[in-house]
Amino acid sequence: MSLVPAPFLFRYSIPISRIDKLPRAKAPLLKLPKTAEVPFPSSMESTQDFARLSMAWNSNGLAISVTVTGKTDWPDCSPDSVLKSDGVQLWLDTRDTQNIHRASKYCHYFCLLPVGEGADGMSPIIKQLPVPRASDDAPEVDEEAILIESEADETGYTVSVWFPTESLYGFDPETYSRMGFYISVNDRELGNQFFTVGEEFPFQSDPTLWASLELAAE
């Protein structure tokens, strides 16, 4: 048996569909089609696949949607403890820097929670965090400018987010058609679903372990 996880043996470059009519004028704001689904390379290691990922882009921003199924209870989320909550962690590098081990000002880190905000605790949460060990932090984002929506019940949830161009420092898809990307979906009941390698590698802080997204013209 190999001591090196299979996903570590490859460098991933994944095409992302361009969908110009995003975000929509009414809810749901994204409603991404089946063609926008993005596979988790970690599935080659026969890990749990309880989360589905869909992505799209256009000149105005980036759309990401995650659906979690198979739960037997409501998501456990707290705005005071986002890293220990059920939800999604995202890393984005608007320059797809693959040759430095410490994040630059183009590297962003966000936590998305499907519930936990609002008077009834049922509104989604987005929170920007600094990338650990970064050589230079990304500018602080106005989280009010980011659109986030969710649906949740005791069987699972969907959380979707639209990052407008101005919310991601350096995001210029017409000039830079590649982005660095990593995602981790964390659930106290179902476990963790990593995009490629797991926590035996420092993906939280090392952009060379992130995949590349190709922002396809069509």
N, C-alpha and C. Protein backbone atom coordinates (compact mmCIF):
# COMPACT_ATOMS: atom_id res chain seq x y z
N MET A 1 0.84 -1.19 0.00
CA MET A 1 0.00 0.00 0.00
C MET A 1 0.88 1.25 0.00
N SER A 2 0.55 2.22 -0.87
CA SER A 2 1.33 3.44 -0.97
C SER A 2 1.14 4.31 0.26
N LEU A 3 2.25 4.91 0.73
CA LEU A 3 2.18 5.83 1.87
C LEU A 3 1.78 7.23 1.42
N VAL A 4 1.80 7.47 0.11
CA VAL A 4 1.44 8.78 -0.44
C VAL A 4 0.01 8.72 -0.96
N PRO A 5 -0.89 9.60 -0.49
CA PRO A 5 -2.26 9.59 -0.98
C PRO A 5 -2.32 9.81 -2.49
N ALA A 6 -3.20 9.09 -3.16
CA ALA A 6 -3.30 9.19 -4.62
C ALA A 6 -3.54 10.62 -5.10
N PRO A 7 -4.39 11.42 -4.45
CA PRO A 7 -4.60 12.79 -4.94
C PRO A 7 -3.35 13.66 -4.92
N PHE A 8 -2.36 13.30 -4.10
CA PHE A 8 -1.14 14.10 -4.01
C PHE A 8 -0.24 13.89 -5.23
N LEU A 9 -0.48 12.84 -5.98
CA LEU A 9 0.39 12.49 -7.10
C LEU A 9 0.12 13.32 -8.35
N PHE A 10 -0.93 14.14 -8.33
CA PHE A 10 -1.32 14.88 -9.52
C PHE A 10 -1.46 16.37 -9.19
N ARG A 11 -1.28 17.18 -10.22
CA ARG A 11 -1.59 18.61 -10.12
C ARG A 11 -2.86 18.84 -10.94
N TYR A 12 -3.86 19.43 -10.33
CA TYR A 12 -5.19 19.50 -10.94
C TYR A 12 -5.44 20.86 -11.57
N SER A 13 -5.98 20.82 -12.77
CA SER A 13 -6.40 22.02 -13.48
C SER A 13 -7.82 21.75 -13.99
N ILE A 14 -8.79 22.46 -13.43
CA ILE A 14 -10.19 22.12 -13.63
C ILE A 14 -10.92 23.27 -14.32
N PRO A 15 -11.55 23.02 -15.47
CA PRO A 15 -12.30 24.08 -16.17
C PRO A 15 -13.59 24.43 -15.44
N ILE A 16 -13.87 25.72 -15.36
CA ILE A 16 -15.07 26.24 -14.72
C ILE A 16 -15.90 26.97 -15.78
N SER A 17 -17.17 26.66 -15.83
CA SER A 17 -18.05 27.22 -16.85
C SER A 17 -18.28 28.72 -16.66
N ARG A 18 -18.40 29.42 -17.79
CA ARG A 18 -18.82 30.82 -17.77
C ARG A 18 -20.33 30.87 -17.94
N ILE A 19 -21.00 31.53 -17.02
CA ILE A 19 -22.45 31.74 -17.10
C ILE A 19 -22.70 33.22 -16.88
N ASP A 20 -23.06 33.93 -17.92
CA ASP A 20 -23.13 35.39 -17.84
C ASP A 20 -24.31 35.89 -17.03
N LYS A 21 -25.41 35.14 -16.99
CA LYS A 21 -26.61 35.63 -16.30
C LYS A 21 -26.59 35.24 -14.82
N LEU A 22 -25.52 35.67 -14.16
CA LEU A 22 -25.37 35.46 -12.72
C LEU A 22 -24.88 36.76 -12.10
N PRO A 23 -25.35 37.08 -10.89
CA PRO A 23 -26.40 36.37 -10.15
C PRO A 23 -27.77 36.66 -10.73
N ARG A 24 -28.74 35.78 -10.44
CA ARG A 24 -30.10 35.98 -10.89
C ARG A 24 -30.74 37.14 -10.15
N ALA A 25 -31.81 37.70 -10.73
CA ALA A 25 -32.49 38.84 -10.14
C ALA A 25 -33.36 38.45 -8.95
N LYS A 26 -33.70 37.16 -8.84
CA LYS A 26 -34.54 36.71 -7.73
C LYS A 26 -34.00 35.39 -7.19
N ALA A 27 -34.44 35.04 -6.00
CA ALA A 27 -33.98 33.80 -5.37
C ALA A 27 -34.52 32.58 -6.13
N PRO A 28 -33.71 31.52 -6.23
CA PRO A 28 -32.31 31.46 -5.80
C PRO A 28 -31.40 32.28 -6.70
N LEU A 29 -30.42 32.92 -6.10
CA LEU A 29 -29.56 33.84 -6.85
C LEU A 29 -28.65 33.14 -7.83
N LEU A 30 -28.29 31.87 -7.54
CA LEU A 30 -27.37 31.16 -8.41
C LEU A 30 -28.08 30.10 -9.26
N LYS A 31 -28.61 29.05 -8.63
CA LYS A 31 -29.31 27.97 -9.35
C LYS A 31 -28.43 27.46 -10.49
N LEU A 32 -27.25 26.95 -10.12
CA LEU A 32 -26.29 26.51 -11.12
C LEU A 32 -26.74 25.20 -11.76
N PRO A 33 -26.52 25.04 -13.06
CA PRO A 33 -26.95 23.83 -13.77
C PRO A 33 -26.04 22.64 -13.47
N LYS A 34 -26.48 21.47 -13.89
CA LYS A 34 -25.72 20.23 -13.69
C LYS A 34 -24.33 20.34 -14.32
N THR A 35 -24.23 21.06 -15.43
CA THR A 35 -22.95 21.19 -16.14
C THR A 35 -21.91 21.97 -15.33
N ALA A 36 -22.36 22.65 -14.26
CA ALA A 36 -21.44 23.44 -13.45
C ALA A 36 -20.84 22.65 -12.29
N GLU A 37 -21.22 21.37 -12.16
CA GLU A 37 -20.67 20.57 -11.07
C GLU A 37 -19.18 20.32 -11.24
N VAL A 38 -18.46 20.35 -10.12
CA VAL A 38 -17.00 20.14 -10.11
C VAL A 38 -16.70 18.94 -9.21
N PRO A 39 -16.01 17.93 -9.73
CA PRO A 39 -15.73 16.74 -8.92
C PRO A 39 -14.67 17.01 -7.85
N PHE A 40 -14.72 16.25 -6.78
CA PHE A 40 -13.67 16.26 -5.76
C PHE A 40 -12.62 15.23 -6.15
N PRO A 41 -11.39 15.62 -6.49
CA PRO A 41 -10.35 14.63 -6.80
C PRO A 41 -10.09 13.64 -5.67
N SER A 42 -10.42 14.01 -4.43
CA SER A 42 -10.20 13.11 -3.30
C SER A 42 -11.04 11.85 -3.40
N SER A 43 -12.04 11.82 -4.28
CA SER A 43 -12.90 10.64 -4.41
C SER A 43 -12.11 9.43 -4.88
N MET A 44 -10.94 9.62 -5.49
CA MET A 44 -10.13 8.48 -5.92
C MET A 44 -9.55 7.71 -4.73
N GLU A 45 -9.61 8.32 -3.55
CA GLU A 45 -9.15 7.64 -2.35
C GLU A 45 -10.30 6.96 -1.60
N SER A 46 -11.49 6.95 -2.23
CA SER A 46 -12.67 6.31 -1.64
C SER A 46 -13.06 6.95 -0.31
N THR A 47 -12.90 8.27 -0.22
CA THR A 47 -13.34 8.98 0.96
C THR A 47 -14.85 9.19 0.90
N GLN A 48 -15.41 9.67 2.00
CA GLN A 48 -16.84 9.94 2.02
C GLN A 48 -17.16 11.06 1.02
N ASP A 49 -18.20 10.86 0.25
CA ASP A 49 -18.65 11.89 -0.69
C ASP A 49 -20.06 12.32 -0.30
N PHE A 50 -20.14 13.15 0.72
CA PHE A 50 -21.43 13.65 1.16
C PHE A 50 -21.71 15.06 0.65
N ALA A 51 -20.71 15.68 -0.01
CA ALA A 51 -20.85 17.05 -0.50
C ALA A 51 -20.69 17.11 -2.01
N ARG A 52 -21.51 17.94 -2.65
CA ARG A 52 -21.39 18.22 -4.07
C ARG A 52 -21.06 19.69 -4.26
N LEU A 53 -20.18 19.95 -5.22
CA LEU A 53 -19.69 21.30 -5.48
C LEU A 53 -20.06 21.72 -6.89
N SER A 54 -20.55 22.96 -7.03
CA SER A 54 -20.81 23.56 -8.34
C SER A 54 -20.19 24.94 -8.37
N MET A 55 -19.64 25.32 -9.54
CA MET A 55 -18.98 26.62 -9.67
C MET A 55 -19.25 27.21 -11.05
N ALA A 56 -19.22 28.53 -11.13
CA ALA A 56 -19.32 29.24 -12.40
C ALA A 56 -18.71 30.63 -12.21
N TRP A 57 -18.50 31.31 -13.33
CA TRP A 57 -17.91 32.63 -13.25
C TRP A 57 -18.41 33.49 -14.41
N ASN A 58 -18.25 34.77 -14.28
CA ASN A 58 -18.36 35.69 -15.41
C ASN A 58 -17.51 36.92 -15.08
N SER A 59 -17.54 37.91 -15.92
CA SER A 59 -16.66 39.07 -15.71
C SER A 59 -17.01 39.86 -14.46
N ASN A 60 -18.19 39.58 -13.88
CA ASN A 60 -18.63 40.31 -12.70
C ASN A 60 -18.36 39.59 -11.38
N GLY A 61 -17.95 38.30 -11.46
CA GLY A 61 -17.72 37.61 -10.21
C GLY A 61 -17.62 36.10 -10.33
N LEU A 62 -17.62 35.45 -9.17
CA LEU A 62 -17.43 34.00 -9.05
C LEU A 62 -18.56 33.41 -8.21
N ALA A 63 -19.15 32.30 -8.69
CA ALA A 63 -20.25 31.63 -8.00
C ALA A 63 -19.79 30.27 -7.49
N ILE A 64 -20.11 29.97 -6.24
CA ILE A 64 -19.77 28.68 -5.63
C ILE A 64 -20.98 28.19 -4.84
N SER A 65 -21.34 26.93 -5.04
CA SER A 65 -22.47 26.34 -4.33
C SER A 65 -22.09 24.95 -3.84
N VAL A 66 -22.41 24.65 -2.58
CA VAL A 66 -22.09 23.36 -1.98
C VAL A 66 -23.38 22.78 -1.39
N THR A 67 -23.64 21.51 -1.72
CA THR A 67 -24.79 20.80 -1.16
C THR A 67 -24.31 19.60 -0.36
N VAL A 68 -24.76 19.49 0.87
CA VAL A 68 -24.43 18.38 1.76
C VAL A 68 -25.69 17.55 1.99
N THR A 69 -25.57 16.24 1.82
CA THR A 69 -26.71 15.33 2.04
C THR A 69 -26.29 14.21 2.99
N GLY A 70 -27.30 13.51 3.52
CA GLY A 70 -27.03 12.35 4.36
C GLY A 70 -27.00 12.61 5.84
N LYS A 71 -27.36 13.85 6.26
CA LYS A 71 -27.38 14.15 7.68
C LYS A 71 -28.67 13.62 8.32
N THR A 72 -28.65 13.53 9.62
CA THR A 72 -29.84 13.14 10.37
C THR A 72 -30.24 14.20 11.39
N ASP A 73 -29.57 15.34 11.34
CA ASP A 73 -29.89 16.43 12.26
C ASP A 73 -29.52 17.76 11.60
N TRP A 74 -30.03 18.83 12.13
CA TRP A 74 -29.76 20.16 11.58
C TRP A 74 -28.26 20.49 11.68
N PRO A 75 -27.76 21.33 10.78
CA PRO A 75 -26.36 21.77 10.88
C PRO A 75 -26.09 22.45 12.22
N ASP A 76 -24.92 22.17 12.76
CA ASP A 76 -24.49 22.73 14.04
C ASP A 76 -23.54 23.88 13.74
N CYS A 77 -24.03 25.11 13.83
CA CYS A 77 -23.24 26.27 13.41
C CYS A 77 -23.30 27.37 14.46
N SER A 78 -22.17 28.05 14.64
CA SER A 78 -22.10 29.16 15.58
C SER A 78 -21.23 30.27 14.99
N PRO A 79 -21.72 31.51 14.98
CA PRO A 79 -20.89 32.62 14.48
C PRO A 79 -19.67 32.88 15.34
N ASP A 80 -19.68 32.38 16.57
CA ASP A 80 -18.54 32.57 17.48
C ASP A 80 -17.49 31.48 17.35
N SER A 81 -17.80 30.45 16.57
CA SER A 81 -16.87 29.32 16.42
C SER A 81 -16.99 28.74 15.02
N VAL A 82 -16.65 29.56 14.02
CA VAL A 82 -16.90 29.16 12.63
C VAL A 82 -16.04 27.97 12.20
N LEU A 83 -14.83 27.85 12.74
CA LEU A 83 -13.95 26.76 12.32
C LEU A 83 -14.38 25.41 12.90
N LYS A 84 -15.18 25.43 13.95
CA LYS A 84 -15.66 24.19 14.55
C LYS A 84 -17.10 23.89 14.17
N SER A 85 -17.68 24.72 13.30
CA SER A 85 -19.06 24.56 12.89
C SER A 85 -19.18 23.69 11.66
N ASP A 86 -20.39 23.18 11.42
CA ASP A 86 -20.68 22.51 10.16
C ASP A 86 -20.68 23.56 9.06
N GLY A 87 -19.92 23.34 8.01
CA GLY A 87 -19.88 24.32 6.95
C GLY A 87 -18.74 24.10 5.99
N VAL A 88 -18.40 25.15 5.28
CA VAL A 88 -17.46 25.09 4.16
C VAL A 88 -16.31 26.07 4.41
N GLN A 89 -15.09 25.61 4.15
CA GLN A 89 -13.93 26.50 4.16
C GLN A 89 -13.38 26.59 2.75
N LEU A 90 -13.13 27.81 2.30
CA LEU A 90 -12.68 28.07 0.93
C LEU A 90 -11.37 28.84 0.93
N TRP A 91 -10.48 28.45 0.02
CA TRP A 91 -9.25 29.18 -0.23
C TRP A 91 -9.21 29.54 -1.72
N LEU A 92 -8.96 30.81 -2.02
CA LEU A 92 -8.94 31.30 -3.39
C LEU A 92 -7.69 32.15 -3.62
N ASP A 93 -7.00 31.88 -4.71
CA ASP A 93 -5.81 32.64 -5.08
C ASP A 93 -6.05 33.23 -6.46
N THR A 94 -6.25 34.53 -6.54
CA THR A 94 -6.61 35.16 -7.81
C THR A 94 -5.46 35.23 -8.80
N ARG A 95 -4.29 34.80 -8.40
CA ARG A 95 -3.15 34.76 -9.32
C ARG A 95 -2.63 33.33 -9.52
N ASP A 96 -3.26 32.34 -8.90
CA ASP A 96 -2.88 30.94 -9.06
C ASP A 96 -1.37 30.75 -8.88
N THR A 97 -0.85 31.24 -7.76
CA THR A 97 0.57 31.13 -7.49
C THR A 97 0.90 29.71 -7.05
N GLN A 98 1.62 28.99 -7.88
CA GLN A 98 1.91 27.58 -7.61
C GLN A 98 3.36 27.32 -7.21
N ASN A 99 4.14 28.38 -7.03
CA ASN A 99 5.57 28.18 -6.76
C ASN A 99 6.04 28.80 -5.46
N ILE A 100 5.10 29.22 -4.59
CA ILE A 100 5.49 29.72 -3.27
C ILE A 100 4.67 29.00 -2.21
N HIS A 101 5.29 28.72 -1.08
CA HIS A 101 4.63 27.93 -0.05
C HIS A 101 3.91 28.79 1.00
N ARG A 102 3.99 30.11 0.85
CA ARG A 102 3.29 30.99 1.78
C ARG A 102 2.37 31.89 0.98
N ALA A 103 1.17 32.10 1.50
CA ALA A 103 0.15 32.84 0.77
C ALA A 103 0.55 34.31 0.59
N SER A 104 0.10 34.87 -0.52
CA SER A 104 0.35 36.27 -0.84
C SER A 104 -0.94 37.07 -0.62
N LYS A 105 -0.89 38.35 -0.95
CA LYS A 105 -2.07 39.21 -0.79
C LYS A 105 -3.20 38.83 -1.74
N TYR A 106 -2.92 37.97 -2.71
CA TYR A 106 -3.95 37.51 -3.64
C TYR A 106 -4.69 36.27 -3.13
N CYS A 107 -4.30 35.77 -1.98
CA CYS A 107 -4.88 34.55 -1.42
C CYS A 107 -5.93 34.89 -0.37
N HIS A 108 -7.12 34.33 -0.53
CA HIS A 108 -8.26 34.63 0.33
C HIS A 108 -8.73 33.35 1.02
N TYR A 109 -9.27 33.52 2.22
CA TYR A 109 -9.75 32.39 3.01
C TYR A 109 -11.10 32.79 3.61
N PHE A 110 -12.13 31.96 3.34
CA PHE A 110 -13.48 32.26 3.82
C PHE A 110 -14.10 31.02 4.46
N CYS A 111 -14.94 31.26 5.46
CA CYS A 111 -15.79 30.22 6.03
C CYS A 111 -17.24 30.53 5.70
N LEU A 112 -17.96 29.53 5.22
CA LEU A 112 -19.38 29.66 4.90
C LEU A 112 -20.16 28.71 5.78
N LEU A 113 -21.14 29.23 6.50
CA LEU A 113 -22.00 28.41 7.34
C LEU A 113 -23.43 28.53 6.84
N PRO A 114 -24.17 27.42 6.74
CA PRO A 114 -25.53 27.49 6.18
C PRO A 114 -26.54 28.16 7.10
N VAL A 115 -26.31 28.13 8.41
CA VAL A 115 -27.21 28.76 9.38
C VAL A 115 -26.37 29.37 10.50
N GLY A 116 -27.06 30.04 11.43
CA GLY A 116 -26.36 30.57 12.60
C GLY A 116 -26.48 32.06 12.80
N GLU A 117 -26.95 32.77 11.78
CA GLU A 117 -27.05 34.22 11.86
C GLU A 117 -28.52 34.63 11.90
N GLY A 118 -28.77 35.87 12.29
CA GLY A 118 -30.13 36.40 12.31
C GLY A 118 -30.84 36.14 13.63
N ALA A 119 -32.00 36.77 13.79
CA ALA A 119 -32.76 36.65 15.03
C ALA A 119 -33.18 35.23 15.31
N ASP A 120 -33.48 34.47 14.24
CA ASP A 120 -33.89 33.07 14.41
C ASP A 120 -32.76 32.08 14.23
N GLY A 121 -31.56 32.59 13.97
CA GLY A 121 -30.41 31.71 13.78
C GLY A 121 -30.44 30.90 12.51
N MET A 122 -31.28 31.28 11.55
CA MET A 122 -31.44 30.48 10.34
C MET A 122 -30.82 31.13 9.10
N SER A 123 -30.17 32.25 9.26
CA SER A 123 -29.52 32.91 8.11
C SER A 123 -28.09 32.42 7.96
N PRO A 124 -27.57 32.37 6.72
CA PRO A 124 -26.20 31.91 6.50
C PRO A 124 -25.17 32.93 6.96
N ILE A 125 -23.94 32.46 7.09
CA ILE A 125 -22.83 33.28 7.58
C ILE A 125 -21.66 33.15 6.62
N ILE A 126 -21.01 34.27 6.33
CA ILE A 126 -19.71 34.23 5.65
C ILE A 126 -18.73 35.05 6.48
N LYS A 127 -17.54 34.51 6.64
CA LYS A 127 -16.53 35.20 7.45
C LYS A 127 -15.17 35.04 6.78
N GLN A 128 -14.49 36.14 6.58
CA GLN A 128 -13.13 36.11 6.05
C GLN A 128 -12.14 35.92 7.18
N LEU A 129 -11.16 35.05 6.95
CA LEU A 129 -10.11 34.80 7.92
C LEU A 129 -8.75 34.97 7.23
N PRO A 130 -7.70 35.27 7.99
CA PRO A 130 -6.36 35.33 7.39
C PRO A 130 -5.84 33.93 7.07
N VAL A 131 -5.14 33.79 5.96
CA VAL A 131 -4.50 32.53 5.65
C VAL A 131 -3.33 32.34 6.60
N PRO A 132 -3.25 31.20 7.29
CA PRO A 132 -2.14 30.98 8.22
C PRO A 132 -0.77 31.12 7.54
N ARG A 133 0.17 31.71 8.23
CA ARG A 133 1.56 31.84 7.78
C ARG A 133 1.72 32.67 6.52
N ALA A 134 0.72 33.45 6.15
CA ALA A 134 0.80 34.24 4.91
C ALA A 134 1.93 35.25 4.98
N SER A 135 2.61 35.43 3.86
CA SER A 135 3.64 36.46 3.80
C SER A 135 3.02 37.85 3.70
N ASP A 136 1.79 37.91 3.21
CA ASP A 136 1.08 39.17 3.08
C ASP A 136 -0.41 38.86 3.06
N ASP A 137 -1.21 39.49 3.90
CA ASP A 137 -2.64 39.21 3.97
C ASP A 137 -3.40 39.89 2.84
N ALA A 138 -4.46 39.23 2.38
CA ALA A 138 -5.37 39.86 1.42
C ALA A 138 -6.09 41.01 2.11
N PRO A 139 -6.47 42.04 1.35
CA PRO A 139 -7.23 43.15 1.95
C PRO A 139 -8.52 42.63 2.58
N GLU A 140 -8.95 43.30 3.61
CA GLU A 140 -10.19 42.93 4.27
C GLU A 140 -11.37 43.20 3.35
N VAL A 141 -12.26 42.24 3.24
CA VAL A 141 -13.39 42.31 2.33
C VAL A 141 -14.61 42.87 3.05
N ASP A 142 -15.40 43.67 2.34
CA ASP A 142 -16.70 44.09 2.86
C ASP A 142 -17.65 42.91 2.69
N GLU A 143 -17.89 42.18 3.77
CA GLU A 143 -18.70 40.97 3.68
C GLU A 143 -20.14 41.26 3.28
N GLU A 144 -20.59 42.51 3.47
CA GLU A 144 -21.93 42.89 3.05
C GLU A 144 -22.07 42.90 1.53
N ALA A 145 -20.94 43.02 0.82
CA ALA A 145 -20.97 43.05 -0.64
C ALA A 145 -21.09 41.66 -1.25
N ILE A 146 -20.84 40.63 -0.45
CA ILE A 146 -20.90 39.24 -0.92
C ILE A 146 -22.32 38.71 -0.73
N LEU A 147 -22.85 38.08 -1.76
CA LEU A 147 -24.19 37.52 -1.68
C LEU A 147 -24.11 36.07 -1.23
N ILE A 148 -24.85 35.73 -0.19
CA ILE A 148 -24.85 34.35 0.31
C ILE A 148 -26.28 33.95 0.63
N GLU A 149 -26.64 32.73 0.26
CA GLU A 149 -27.98 32.21 0.53
C GLU A 149 -27.86 30.73 0.88
N SER A 150 -28.87 30.20 1.55
CA SER A 150 -28.81 28.79 1.95
C SER A 150 -30.20 28.22 2.14
N GLU A 151 -30.26 26.89 2.11
CA GLU A 151 -31.43 26.12 2.49
C GLU A 151 -30.94 25.00 3.39
N ALA A 152 -31.67 24.72 4.46
CA ALA A 152 -31.21 23.70 5.40
C ALA A 152 -32.39 23.01 6.05
N ASP A 153 -32.20 21.73 6.37
CA ASP A 153 -33.13 20.99 7.21
C ASP A 153 -32.35 19.89 7.91
N GLU A 154 -33.03 18.92 8.50
CA GLU A 154 -32.33 17.90 9.27
C GLU A 154 -31.63 16.87 8.39
N THR A 155 -31.84 16.90 7.07
CA THR A 155 -31.19 15.93 6.18
C THR A 155 -29.96 16.50 5.47
N GLY A 156 -29.76 17.81 5.54
CA GLY A 156 -28.62 18.40 4.86
C GLY A 156 -28.83 19.88 4.58
N TYR A 157 -28.02 20.43 3.70
CA TYR A 157 -28.13 21.85 3.39
C TYR A 157 -27.45 22.17 2.07
N THR A 158 -27.81 23.32 1.54
CA THR A 158 -27.10 23.93 0.42
C THR A 158 -26.73 25.35 0.82
N VAL A 159 -25.47 25.71 0.60
CA VAL A 159 -25.03 27.09 0.83
C VAL A 159 -24.37 27.57 -0.45
N SER A 160 -24.80 28.74 -0.92
CA SER A 160 -24.31 29.29 -2.19
C SER A 160 -23.82 30.71 -1.97
N VAL A 161 -22.75 31.06 -2.67
CA VAL A 161 -22.16 32.38 -2.48
C VAL A 161 -21.75 32.97 -3.82
N TRP A 162 -21.97 34.27 -3.96
CA TRP A 162 -21.53 35.02 -5.13
C TRP A 162 -20.51 36.06 -4.68
N PHE A 163 -19.28 35.91 -5.18
CA PHE A 163 -18.23 36.87 -4.90
C PHE A 163 -18.16 37.86 -6.06
N PRO A 164 -18.63 39.10 -5.87
CA PRO A 164 -18.45 40.09 -6.93
C PRO A 164 -16.97 40.40 -7.13
N THR A 165 -16.63 40.85 -8.30
CA THR A 165 -15.23 41.07 -8.66
C THR A 165 -14.48 41.87 -7.61
N GLU A 166 -15.11 42.92 -7.10
CA GLU A 166 -14.42 43.81 -6.15
C GLU A 166 -14.17 43.16 -4.80
N SER A 167 -14.80 42.02 -4.51
CA SER A 167 -14.63 41.38 -3.21
C SER A 167 -13.41 40.45 -3.15
N LEU A 168 -12.81 40.16 -4.31
CA LEU A 168 -11.63 39.30 -4.36
C LEU A 168 -10.47 40.11 -4.93
N TYR A 169 -9.51 40.44 -4.08
CA TYR A 169 -8.40 41.27 -4.52
C TYR A 169 -7.65 40.58 -5.66
N GLY A 170 -7.48 41.31 -6.76
CA GLY A 170 -6.75 40.78 -7.90
C GLY A 170 -7.59 39.97 -8.87
N PHE A 171 -8.89 39.79 -8.59
CA PHE A 171 -9.73 38.99 -9.48
C PHE A 171 -10.00 39.77 -10.76
N ASP A 172 -9.41 39.30 -11.85
CA ASP A 172 -9.53 39.94 -13.17
C ASP A 172 -9.57 38.82 -14.20
N PRO A 173 -10.71 38.13 -14.32
CA PRO A 173 -10.76 36.91 -15.14
C PRO A 173 -10.49 37.13 -16.61
N GLU A 174 -10.70 38.33 -17.11
CA GLU A 174 -10.43 38.58 -18.52
C GLU A 174 -8.92 38.63 -18.80
N THR A 175 -8.14 38.95 -17.77
CA THR A 175 -6.69 39.03 -17.93
C THR A 175 -5.99 37.80 -17.35
N TYR A 176 -6.44 37.37 -16.15
CA TYR A 176 -5.86 36.20 -15.49
C TYR A 176 -6.92 35.10 -15.47
N SER A 177 -6.78 34.15 -16.34
CA SER A 177 -7.83 33.14 -16.55
C SER A 177 -7.65 31.89 -15.69
N ARG A 178 -6.78 31.96 -14.69
CA ARG A 178 -6.58 30.83 -13.78
C ARG A 178 -6.62 31.33 -12.33
N MET A 179 -7.15 30.49 -11.46
CA MET A 179 -7.21 30.80 -10.04
C MET A 179 -6.76 29.59 -9.24
N GLY A 180 -6.13 29.82 -8.10
CA GLY A 180 -5.87 28.75 -7.16
C GLY A 180 -7.12 28.50 -6.33
N PHE A 181 -7.34 27.23 -5.95
CA PHE A 181 -8.60 26.90 -5.27
C PHE A 181 -8.42 25.68 -4.39
N TYR A 182 -9.03 25.76 -3.20
CA TYR A 182 -9.13 24.59 -2.33
C TYR A 182 -10.41 24.71 -1.51
N ILE A 183 -11.01 23.57 -1.18
CA ILE A 183 -12.22 23.57 -0.38
C ILE A 183 -12.18 22.40 0.60
N SER A 184 -12.70 22.64 1.77
CA SER A 184 -12.88 21.59 2.78
C SER A 184 -14.29 21.74 3.33
N VAL A 185 -15.06 20.65 3.28
CA VAL A 185 -16.42 20.64 3.82
C VAL A 185 -16.38 19.87 5.13
N ASN A 186 -16.76 20.52 6.21
CA ASN A 186 -16.61 19.95 7.55
C ASN A 186 -17.98 19.73 8.19
N ASP A 187 -18.17 18.54 8.75
CA ASP A 187 -19.44 18.22 9.37
C ASP A 187 -19.19 17.33 10.59
N ARG A 188 -19.74 17.73 11.73
CA ARG A 188 -19.50 16.96 12.96
C ARG A 188 -20.11 15.56 12.88
N GLU A 189 -21.17 15.41 12.13
CA GLU A 189 -21.82 14.11 12.00
C GLU A 189 -21.19 13.26 10.90
N LEU A 190 -20.89 13.86 9.73
CA LEU A 190 -20.43 13.11 8.56
C LEU A 190 -18.92 13.07 8.39
N GLY A 191 -18.22 13.98 9.05
CA GLY A 191 -16.76 14.00 8.93
C GLY A 191 -16.30 15.15 8.06
N ASN A 192 -15.14 14.99 7.42
CA ASN A 192 -14.54 16.02 6.57
C ASN A 192 -14.41 15.50 5.14
N GLN A 193 -14.75 16.34 4.19
CA GLN A 193 -14.52 16.01 2.79
C GLN A 193 -13.57 17.06 2.22
N PHE A 194 -12.35 16.63 1.91
CA PHE A 194 -11.32 17.52 1.39
C PHE A 194 -11.31 17.49 -0.14
N PHE A 195 -10.86 18.60 -0.73
CA PHE A 195 -10.85 18.66 -2.19
C PHE A 195 -9.84 17.70 -2.78
N THR A 196 -8.64 17.68 -2.25
CA THR A 196 -7.60 16.74 -2.72
C THR A 196 -7.01 16.03 -1.52
N VAL A 197 -5.90 16.54 -1.01
CA VAL A 197 -5.25 15.90 0.14
C VAL A 197 -5.92 16.34 1.43
N GLY A 198 -5.67 15.57 2.50
CA GLY A 198 -6.27 15.87 3.80
C GLY A 198 -5.32 16.60 4.72
N GLU A 199 -5.61 16.54 6.00
CA GLU A 199 -4.88 17.34 6.98
C GLU A 199 -3.47 16.82 7.27
N GLU A 200 -3.08 15.72 6.63
CA GLU A 200 -1.68 15.31 6.75
C GLU A 200 -0.77 16.23 5.95
N PHE A 201 -1.37 17.12 5.13
CA PHE A 201 -0.64 18.13 4.37
C PHE A 201 -1.15 19.51 4.78
N PRO A 202 -0.28 20.54 4.76
CA PRO A 202 -0.67 21.87 5.25
C PRO A 202 -1.41 22.71 4.20
N PHE A 203 -2.50 22.18 3.65
CA PHE A 203 -3.22 22.90 2.60
C PHE A 203 -3.79 24.22 3.12
N GLN A 204 -4.01 24.32 4.43
CA GLN A 204 -4.58 25.55 4.99
C GLN A 204 -3.69 26.76 4.74
N SER A 205 -2.38 26.51 4.62
CA SER A 205 -1.44 27.63 4.52
C SER A 205 -0.56 27.60 3.27
N ASP A 206 -0.57 26.52 2.52
CA ASP A 206 0.38 26.33 1.41
C ASP A 206 -0.34 26.33 0.07
N PRO A 207 -0.27 27.43 -0.71
CA PRO A 207 -0.96 27.51 -1.99
C PRO A 207 -0.48 26.50 -3.03
N THR A 208 0.71 25.92 -2.86
CA THR A 208 1.18 24.94 -3.83
C THR A 208 0.37 23.65 -3.75
N LEU A 209 -0.40 23.47 -2.69
CA LEU A 209 -1.25 22.29 -2.54
C LEU A 209 -2.66 22.51 -3.07
N TRP A 210 -2.93 23.73 -3.55
CA TRP A 210 -4.26 24.02 -4.07
C TRP A 210 -4.34 23.63 -5.54
N ALA A 211 -5.54 23.39 -6.02
CA ALA A 211 -5.76 23.10 -7.42
C ALA A 211 -5.83 24.40 -8.22
N SER A 212 -5.84 24.27 -9.53
CA SER A 212 -6.01 25.42 -10.42
C SER A 212 -7.39 25.35 -11.06
N LEU A 213 -8.05 26.50 -11.14
CA LEU A 213 -9.30 26.61 -11.86
C LEU A 213 -9.03 27.32 -13.19
N GLU A 214 -9.51 26.76 -14.28
CA GLU A 214 -9.44 27.42 -15.58
C GLU A 214 -10.77 28.11 -15.83
N LEU A 215 -10.75 29.41 -15.92
CA LEU A 215 -11.97 30.16 -16.17
C LEU A 215 -12.23 30.15 -17.68
N ALA A 216 -12.98 29.13 -18.09
CA ALA A 216 -13.16 28.85 -19.51
C ALA A 216 -14.01 29.95 -20.17
N ALA A 217 -13.68 30.27 -21.41
CA ALA A 217 -14.40 31.30 -22.13
C ALA A 217 -15.82 30.89 -22.46
N GLU A 218 -16.02 29.60 -22.67
CA GLU A 218 -17.37 29.10 -23.00
C GLU A 218 -17.82 28.13 -21.92
